[in-house]
Amino acid sequence: MTSWISFLQEVLLYGPQILQGLGNTLLLAVIISFNGLVGGILVFYLTLSPRSVVRRLTDGYISFFIGTPLIVLLFLMYYGLPQWGLPLSPLTVAVLGFTLNVAAYNARYLRTAYNGLDQHELEAARAQGFSGMEVFRYITLPQTLRLSVPALTNQVILNLKDSSVAFLIQYTEFFAEVQELATRTFQYFKAYLLAGLVYLLLVSIIVFAARRLEMAILRPLR
């Protein structure tokens, strides 16, 4: 019991740094979730291009970033690019690396939802004179987003959890500060347990909000 009290005292002393790291984690998670969604929509749009070359290049992009471990991409950008005279800050690398990765996954989710759409409805819109962009904007995108809500919200949860690997490229996020706390106190079990509980709380909040969103959006239309 005494050890726990001592550890909690250390947590309070180191609290400002931990809160700052938590803020950095949430900032990164929000940025990559937004950028990843916008990028995913763009990549998804390119998968519908009438040009086979564009479709093949886009499919190659999706396959590459889904098949490549994220940490390899982050290390390549953070440690590799400086050798070519292109040093980037940890936040910039994290945002770019995660965005490229998340956009590929979101595009795959949207494409899967698109395959389940009623193609006759899309053909009818084209027959009525809608341009390709209008069909995408008014029919394809709204329906695919609606059907992809569960997968897209799950990706947001993954973004939050995966953001912890950013400490490996010197980004001072929440887990990096917890790691520093563990090193200072030598209470590794307690420190990592604290980190796990905080992530669990944050994920629970996202899950609750996501489920409410799914219930509202996926409610059968009357």
C-alpha atoms as a PDB file:
ATOM      1  CA  MET A   1       0.000   0.000   0.000  1.00  0.00           C
ATOM      2  CA  THR A   2       2.855   2.326   0.849  1.00  0.00           C
ATOM      3  CA  SER A   3       4.423   1.756  -2.560  1.00  0.00           C
ATOM      4  CA  TRP A   4       1.192   2.734  -4.296  1.00  0.00           C
ATOM      5  CA  ILE A   5       0.958   5.931  -2.243  1.00  0.00           C
ATOM      6  CA  SER A   6       4.542   6.758  -3.115  1.00  0.00           C
ATOM      7  CA  PHE A   7       3.869   6.082  -6.778  1.00  0.00           C
ATOM      8  CA  LEU A   8       0.745   8.264  -6.825  1.00  0.00           C
ATOM      9  CA  GLN A   9       2.743  11.070  -5.262  1.00  0.00           C
ATOM     10  CA  GLU A  10       5.246  10.761  -8.106  1.00  0.00           C
ATOM     11  CA  VAL A  11       2.371  10.832 -10.590  1.00  0.00           C
ATOM     12  CA  LEU A  12       1.105  14.072  -9.054  1.00  0.00           C
ATOM     13  CA  LEU A  13       4.562  15.610  -9.179  1.00  0.00           C
ATOM     14  CA  TYR A  14       5.025  14.587 -12.786  1.00  0.00           C
ATOM     15  CA  GLY A  15       1.384  15.357 -13.604  1.00  0.00           C
ATOM     16  CA  PRO A  16       1.919  18.457 -15.799  1.00  0.00           C
ATOM     17  CA  GLN A  17       4.243  16.553 -18.142  1.00  0.00           C
ATOM     18  CA  ILE A  18       1.847  13.602 -18.304  1.00  0.00           C
ATOM     19  CA  LEU A  19      -1.089  15.895 -19.098  1.00  0.00           C
ATOM     20  CA  GLN A  20       0.945  17.644 -21.763  1.00  0.00           C
ATOM     21  CA  GLY A  21       1.797  14.260 -23.291  1.00  0.00           C
ATOM     22  CA  LEU A  22      -1.860  13.285 -23.169  1.00  0.00           C
ATOM     23  CA  GLY A  23      -2.746  16.501 -24.959  1.00  0.00           C
ATOM     24  CA  ASN A  24      -0.163  15.715 -27.634  1.00  0.00           C
ATOM     25  CA  THR A  25      -1.635  12.237 -28.038  1.00  0.00           C
ATOM     26  CA  LEU A  26      -5.154  13.581 -28.483  1.00  0.00           C
ATOM     27  CA  LEU A  27      -3.899  16.240 -30.892  1.00  0.00           C
ATOM     28  CA  LEU A  28      -2.169  13.629 -33.039  1.00  0.00           C
ATOM     29  CA  ALA A  29      -5.182  11.304 -32.935  1.00  0.00           C
ATOM     30  CA  VAL A  30      -7.556  14.083 -34.030  1.00  0.00           C
ATOM     31  CA  ILE A  31      -5.285  15.267 -36.843  1.00  0.00           C
ATOM     32  CA  ILE A  32      -4.643  11.833 -38.304  1.00  0.00           C
ATOM     33  CA  SER A  33      -8.303  10.826 -37.987  1.00  0.00           C
ATOM     34  CA  PHE A  34      -9.421  13.926 -39.903  1.00  0.00           C
ATOM     35  CA  ASN A  35      -6.625  13.797 -42.479  1.00  0.00           C
ATOM     36  CA  GLY A  36      -7.055  10.060 -42.844  1.00  0.00           C
ATOM     37  CA  LEU A  37     -10.759  10.446 -43.559  1.00  0.00           C
ATOM     38  CA  VAL A  38     -10.237  13.203 -46.126  1.00  0.00           C
ATOM     39  CA  GLY A  39      -7.363  11.295 -47.707  1.00  0.00           C
ATOM     40  CA  GLY A  40      -9.384   8.091 -47.688  1.00  0.00           C
ATOM     41  CA  ILE A  41     -12.242   9.782 -49.546  1.00  0.00           C
ATOM     42  CA  LEU A  42      -9.794  11.102 -52.145  1.00  0.00           C
ATOM     43  CA  VAL A  43      -8.148   7.710 -52.625  1.00  0.00           C
ATOM     44  CA  PHE A  44     -11.550   6.036 -52.788  1.00  0.00           C
ATOM     45  CA  TYR A  45     -12.618   8.488 -55.495  1.00  0.00           C
ATOM     46  CA  LEU A  46      -9.531   7.608 -57.505  1.00  0.00           C
ATOM     47  CA  THR A  47     -10.384   3.894 -57.300  1.00  0.00           C
ATOM     48  CA  LEU A  48     -13.533   4.725 -59.301  1.00  0.00           C
ATOM     49  CA  SER A  49     -11.620   6.481 -62.070  1.00  0.00           C
ATOM     50  CA  PRO A  50     -12.534   5.391 -65.604  1.00  0.00           C
ATOM     51  CA  ARG A  51      -8.810   5.298 -66.377  1.00  0.00           C
ATOM     52  CA  SER A  52      -7.292   1.908 -65.682  1.00  0.00           C
ATOM     53  CA  VAL A  53      -3.851   3.400 -65.036  1.00  0.00           C
ATOM     54  CA  VAL A  54      -5.214   5.584 -62.239  1.00  0.00           C
ATOM     55  CA  ARG A  55      -7.076   2.643 -60.721  1.00  0.00           C
ATOM     56  CA  ARG A  56      -3.984   0.427 -60.796  1.00  0.00           C
ATOM     57  CA  LEU A  57      -1.803   3.105 -59.218  1.00  0.00           C
ATOM     58  CA  THR A  58      -4.416   3.730 -56.541  1.00  0.00           C
ATOM     59  CA  ASP A  59      -4.764   0.021 -55.793  1.00  0.00           C
ATOM     60  CA  GLY A  60      -0.970  -0.134 -55.542  1.00  0.00           C
ATOM     61  CA  TYR A  61      -1.003   2.726 -53.041  1.00  0.00           C
ATOM     62  CA  ILE A  62      -3.610   0.993 -50.897  1.00  0.00           C
ATOM     63  CA  SER A  63      -1.807  -2.346 -51.010  1.00  0.00           C
ATOM     64  CA  PHE A  64       1.550  -0.768 -50.191  1.00  0.00           C
ATOM     65  CA  PHE A  65       0.454   1.196 -47.135  1.00  0.00           C
ATOM     66  CA  ILE A  66      -1.788  -1.556 -45.784  1.00  0.00           C
ATOM     67  CA  GLY A  67       0.959  -4.126 -46.283  1.00  0.00           C
ATOM     68  CA  THR A  68       3.814  -2.024 -44.854  1.00  0.00           C
ATOM     69  CA  PRO A  69       4.200  -1.845 -41.044  1.00  0.00           C
ATOM     70  CA  LEU A  70       3.555   1.691 -39.852  1.00  0.00           C
ATOM     71  CA  ILE A  71       6.685   1.768 -37.709  1.00  0.00           C
ATOM     72  CA  VAL A  72       8.824   1.035 -40.770  1.00  0.00           C
ATOM     73  CA  LEU A  73       7.299   4.020 -42.566  1.00  0.00           C
ATOM     74  CA  LEU A  74       7.833   6.296 -39.562  1.00  0.00           C
ATOM     75  CA  PHE A  75      11.454   5.209 -39.146  1.00  0.00           C
ATOM     76  CA  LEU A  76      12.088   5.609 -42.862  1.00  0.00           C
ATOM     77  CA  MET A  77      10.821   9.187 -42.780  1.00  0.00           C
ATOM     78  CA  TYR A  78      12.311  10.246 -39.439  1.00  0.00           C
ATOM     79  CA  TYR A  79      15.720   8.565 -39.608  1.00  0.00           C
ATOM     80  CA  GLY A  80      16.096   8.039 -43.343  1.00  0.00           C
ATOM     81  CA  LEU A  81      15.049  11.331 -44.921  1.00  0.00           C
ATOM     82  CA  PRO A  82      17.649  13.419 -43.007  1.00  0.00           C
ATOM     83  CA  GLN A  83      20.342  11.492 -44.905  1.00  0.00           C
ATOM     84  CA  TRP A  84      18.861  13.042 -48.054  1.00  0.00           C
ATOM     85  CA  GLY A  85      18.814  16.507 -46.537  1.00  0.00           C
ATOM     86  CA  LEU A  86      15.129  16.393 -45.548  1.00  0.00           C
ATOM     87  CA  PRO A  87      14.914  16.506 -41.749  1.00  0.00           C
ATOM     88  CA  LEU A  88      11.362  16.588 -40.426  1.00  0.00           C
ATOM     89  CA  SER A  89      10.010  17.209 -36.936  1.00  0.00           C
ATOM     90  CA  PRO A  90       8.545  14.256 -34.986  1.00  0.00           C
ATOM     91  CA  LEU A  91       5.021  15.706 -35.276  1.00  0.00           C
ATOM     92  CA  THR A  92       5.364  16.217 -39.030  1.00  0.00           C
ATOM     93  CA  VAL A  93       6.608  12.660 -39.525  1.00  0.00           C
ATOM     94  CA  ALA A  94       3.848  11.254 -37.326  1.00  0.00           C
ATOM     95  CA  VAL A  95       1.133  13.199 -39.157  1.00  0.00           C
ATOM     96  CA  LEU A  96       2.424  12.289 -42.626  1.00  0.00           C
ATOM     97  CA  GLY A  97       3.106   8.646 -41.824  1.00  0.00           C
ATOM     98  CA  PHE A  98      -0.180   8.016 -40.058  1.00  0.00           C
ATOM     99  CA  THR A  99      -2.188   9.953 -42.663  1.00  0.00           C
ATOM    100  CA  LEU A 100      -0.782   7.912 -45.551  1.00  0.00           C
ATOM    101  CA  ASN A 101      -1.473   4.701 -43.639  1.00  0.00           C
ATOM    102  CA  VAL A 102      -4.947   5.586 -42.360  1.00  0.00           C
ATOM    103  CA  ALA A 103      -6.069   6.977 -45.736  1.00  0.00           C
ATOM    104  CA  ALA A 104      -5.310   3.608 -47.324  1.00  0.00           C
ATOM    105  CA  TYR A 105      -7.384   1.746 -44.736  1.00  0.00           C
ATOM    106  CA  ASN A 106     -10.288   4.207 -44.947  1.00  0.00           C
ATOM    107  CA  ALA A 107     -10.275   3.971 -48.735  1.00  0.00           C
ATOM    108  CA  ARG A 108     -10.518   0.196 -48.443  1.00  0.00           C
ATOM    109  CA  TYR A 109     -13.487   0.506 -46.066  1.00  0.00           C
ATOM    110  CA  LEU A 110     -15.254   2.894 -48.427  1.00  0.00           C
ATOM    111  CA  ARG A 111     -14.556   0.713 -51.430  1.00  0.00           C
ATOM    112  CA  THR A 112     -16.005  -2.316 -49.640  1.00  0.00           C
ATOM    113  CA  ALA A 113     -19.153  -0.344 -48.831  1.00  0.00           C
ATOM    114  CA  TYR A 114     -19.364   0.870 -52.421  1.00  0.00           C
ATOM    115  CA  ASN A 115     -19.384  -2.715 -53.693  1.00  0.00           C
ATOM    116  CA  GLY A 116     -22.583  -3.221 -51.720  1.00  0.00           C
ATOM    117  CA  LEU A 117     -24.452  -0.302 -53.293  1.00  0.00           C
ATOM    118  CA  ASP A 118     -27.287  -0.724 -55.747  1.00  0.00           C
ATOM    119  CA  GLN A 119     -25.493  -0.146 -59.047  1.00  0.00           C
ATOM    120  CA  HIS A 120     -28.804   0.375 -60.835  1.00  0.00           C
ATOM    121  CA  GLU A 121     -29.339   3.547 -58.816  1.00  0.00           C
ATOM    122  CA  LEU A 122     -25.969   4.883 -59.932  1.00  0.00           C
ATOM    123  CA  GLU A 123     -26.688   3.984 -63.551  1.00  0.00           C
ATOM    124  CA  ALA A 124     -30.077   5.713 -63.345  1.00  0.00           C
ATOM    125  CA  ALA A 125     -28.411   8.895 -62.090  1.00  0.00           C
ATOM    126  CA  ARG A 126     -25.962   8.840 -65.003  1.00  0.00           C
ATOM    127  CA  ALA A 127     -28.808   8.248 -67.416  1.00  0.00           C
ATOM    128  CA  GLN A 128     -30.526  11.377 -66.081  1.00  0.00           C
ATOM    129  CA  GLY A 129     -27.504  13.463 -67.014  1.00  0.00           C
ATOM    130  CA  PHE A 130     -25.571  13.563 -63.729  1.00  0.00           C
ATOM    131  CA  SER A 131     -21.843  13.983 -64.249  1.00  0.00           C
ATOM    132  CA  GLY A 132     -19.399  11.569 -62.667  1.00  0.00           C
ATOM    133  CA  MET A 133     -18.541  14.066 -59.931  1.00  0.00           C
ATOM    134  CA  GLU A 134     -22.198  14.733 -59.205  1.00  0.00           C
ATOM    135  CA  VAL A 135     -22.958  11.028 -58.910  1.00  0.00           C
ATOM    136  CA  PHE A 136     -20.038  10.664 -56.524  1.00  0.00           C
ATOM    137  CA  ARG A 137     -20.901  13.739 -54.462  1.00  0.00           C
ATOM    138  CA  TYR A 138     -24.654  13.295 -54.132  1.00  0.00           C
ATOM    139  CA  ILE A 139     -25.161   9.524 -54.278  1.00  0.00           C
ATOM    140  CA  THR A 140     -22.005   7.431 -53.972  1.00  0.00           C
ATOM    141  CA  LEU A 141     -20.168   9.246 -51.176  1.00  0.00           C
ATOM    142  CA  PRO A 142     -23.127   9.794 -48.787  1.00  0.00           C
ATOM    143  CA  GLN A 143     -24.187   6.152 -49.041  1.00  0.00           C
ATOM    144  CA  THR A 144     -20.693   4.695 -48.701  1.00  0.00           C
ATOM    145  CA  LEU A 145     -19.947   6.922 -45.701  1.00  0.00           C
ATOM    146  CA  ARG A 146     -23.181   5.834 -44.065  1.00  0.00           C
ATOM    147  CA  LEU A 147     -22.430   2.162 -44.580  1.00  0.00           C
ATOM    148  CA  SER A 148     -18.808   2.586 -43.484  1.00  0.00           C
ATOM    149  CA  VAL A 149     -19.537   4.255 -40.146  1.00  0.00           C
ATOM    150  CA  PRO A 150     -18.701   1.165 -38.017  1.00  0.00           C
ATOM    151  CA  ALA A 151     -15.391   0.581 -39.795  1.00  0.00           C
ATOM    152  CA  LEU A 152     -14.445   4.272 -39.836  1.00  0.00           C
ATOM    153  CA  THR A 153     -15.180   4.740 -36.133  1.00  0.00           C
ATOM    154  CA  ASN A 154     -13.175   1.621 -35.307  1.00  0.00           C
ATOM    155  CA  GLN A 155     -10.302   3.158 -37.254  1.00  0.00           C
ATOM    156  CA  VAL A 156     -10.483   6.238 -35.026  1.00  0.00           C
ATOM    157  CA  ILE A 157     -10.034   3.949 -32.018  1.00  0.00           C
ATOM    158  CA  LEU A 158      -7.043   2.328 -33.701  1.00  0.00           C
ATOM    159  CA  ASN A 159      -5.603   5.775 -34.430  1.00  0.00           C
ATOM    160  CA  LEU A 160      -5.684   6.644 -30.743  1.00  0.00           C
ATOM    161  CA  LYS A 161      -4.066   3.383 -29.668  1.00  0.00           C
ATOM    162  CA  ASP A 162      -1.516   3.299 -32.475  1.00  0.00           C
ATOM    163  CA  SER A 163      -0.421   6.856 -31.701  1.00  0.00           C
ATOM    164  CA  SER A 164       1.614   5.382 -28.855  1.00  0.00           C
ATOM    165  CA  VAL A 165       4.271   4.203 -31.332  1.00  0.00           C
ATOM    166  CA  ALA A 166       5.068   7.853 -32.101  1.00  0.00           C
ATOM    167  CA  PHE A 167       7.276   7.984 -29.015  1.00  0.00           C
ATOM    168  CA  LEU A 168       9.764   5.851 -30.965  1.00  0.00           C
ATOM    169  CA  ILE A 169      10.416   8.853 -33.225  1.00  0.00           C
ATOM    170  CA  GLN A 170      10.874  11.230 -30.256  1.00  0.00           C
ATOM    171  CA  TYR A 171       7.320  12.601 -30.282  1.00  0.00           C
ATOM    172  CA  THR A 172       6.541  13.423 -26.652  1.00  0.00           C
ATOM    173  CA  GLU A 173       3.064  11.944 -26.441  1.00  0.00           C
ATOM    174  CA  PHE A 174       1.349  10.327 -23.458  1.00  0.00           C
ATOM    175  CA  PHE A 175       3.117   6.986 -23.543  1.00  0.00           C
ATOM    176  CA  ALA A 176       6.515   8.699 -23.813  1.00  0.00           C
ATOM    177  CA  GLU A 177       5.790  10.603 -20.606  1.00  0.00           C
ATOM    178  CA  VAL A 178       4.611   7.443 -18.873  1.00  0.00           C
ATOM    179  CA  GLN A 179       7.816   5.758 -19.989  1.00  0.00           C
ATOM    180  CA  GLU A 180       9.761   8.637 -18.425  1.00  0.00           C
ATOM    181  CA  LEU A 181       7.741   8.264 -15.216  1.00  0.00           C
ATOM    182  CA  ALA A 182       8.484   4.540 -15.115  1.00  0.00           C
ATOM    183  CA  THR A 183      12.210   5.193 -15.609  1.00  0.00           C
ATOM    184  CA  ARG A 184      12.287   7.789 -12.848  1.00  0.00           C
ATOM    185  CA  THR A 185      10.382   5.723 -10.282  1.00  0.00           C
ATOM    186  CA  PHE A 186      11.402   2.193 -11.376  1.00  0.00           C
ATOM    187  CA  GLN A 187       7.704   1.327 -10.917  1.00  0.00           C
ATOM    188  CA  TYR A 188       7.243  -0.096 -14.398  1.00  0.00           C
ATOM    189  CA  PHE A 189       4.211  -2.244 -13.635  1.00  0.00           C
ATOM    190  CA  LYS A 190       2.303   0.602 -11.989  1.00  0.00           C
ATOM    191  CA  ALA A 191       3.245   3.110 -14.671  1.00  0.00           C
ATOM    192  CA  TYR A 192       2.196   0.878 -17.558  1.00  0.00           C
ATOM    193  CA  LEU A 193      -0.967  -0.118 -15.702  1.00  0.00           C
ATOM    194  CA  LEU A 194      -1.782   3.577 -15.393  1.00  0.00           C
ATOM    195  CA  ALA A 195      -1.191   4.041 -19.115  1.00  0.00           C
ATOM    196  CA  GLY A 196      -3.426   1.088 -19.928  1.00  0.00           C
ATOM    197  CA  LEU A 197      -6.254   2.427 -17.769  1.00  0.00           C
ATOM    198  CA  VAL A 198      -6.050   5.884 -19.357  1.00  0.00           C
ATOM    199  CA  TYR A 199      -6.137   4.411 -22.869  1.00  0.00           C
ATOM    200  CA  LEU A 200      -9.052   2.197 -21.830  1.00  0.00           C
ATOM    201  CA  LEU A 201     -10.952   5.238 -20.568  1.00  0.00           C
ATOM    202  CA  LEU A 202     -10.327   7.194 -23.761  1.00  0.00           C
ATOM    203  CA  VAL A 203     -11.273   4.262 -25.968  1.00  0.00           C
ATOM    204  CA  SER A 204     -14.459   3.713 -23.928  1.00  0.00           C
ATOM    205  CA  ILE A 205     -15.458   7.332 -24.530  1.00  0.00           C
ATOM    206  CA  ILE A 206     -14.861   6.972 -28.261  1.00  0.00           C
ATOM    207  CA  VAL A 207     -16.762   3.674 -28.367  1.00  0.00           C
ATOM    208  CA  PHE A 208     -19.730   5.221 -26.583  1.00  0.00           C
ATOM    209  CA  ALA A 209     -19.790   8.200 -28.946  1.00  0.00           C
ATOM    210  CA  ALA A 210     -19.283   5.946 -31.976  1.00  0.00           C
ATOM    211  CA  ARG A 211     -22.146   3.644 -31.030  1.00  0.00           C
ATOM    212  CA  ARG A 212     -24.472   6.603 -30.583  1.00  0.00           C
ATOM    213  CA  LEU A 213     -23.404   7.905 -33.986  1.00  0.00           C
ATOM    214  CA  GLU A 214     -23.979   4.512 -35.576  1.00  0.00           C
ATOM    215  CA  MET A 215     -27.452   4.263 -34.053  1.00  0.00           C
ATOM    216  CA  ALA A 216     -28.342   7.700 -35.403  1.00  0.00           C
ATOM    217  CA  ILE A 217     -26.889   7.251 -38.900  1.00  0.00           C
ATOM    218  CA  LEU A 218     -27.639   3.592 -39.494  1.00  0.00           C
ATOM    219  CA  ARG A 219     -31.217   3.829 -38.197  1.00  0.00           C
ATOM    220  CA  PRO A 220     -33.513   2.511 -40.935  1.00  0.00           C
ATOM    221  CA  LEU A 221     -34.886   5.312 -43.079  1.00  0.00           C
ATOM    222  CA  ARG A 222     -38.677   5.666 -43.172  1.00  0.00           C
END
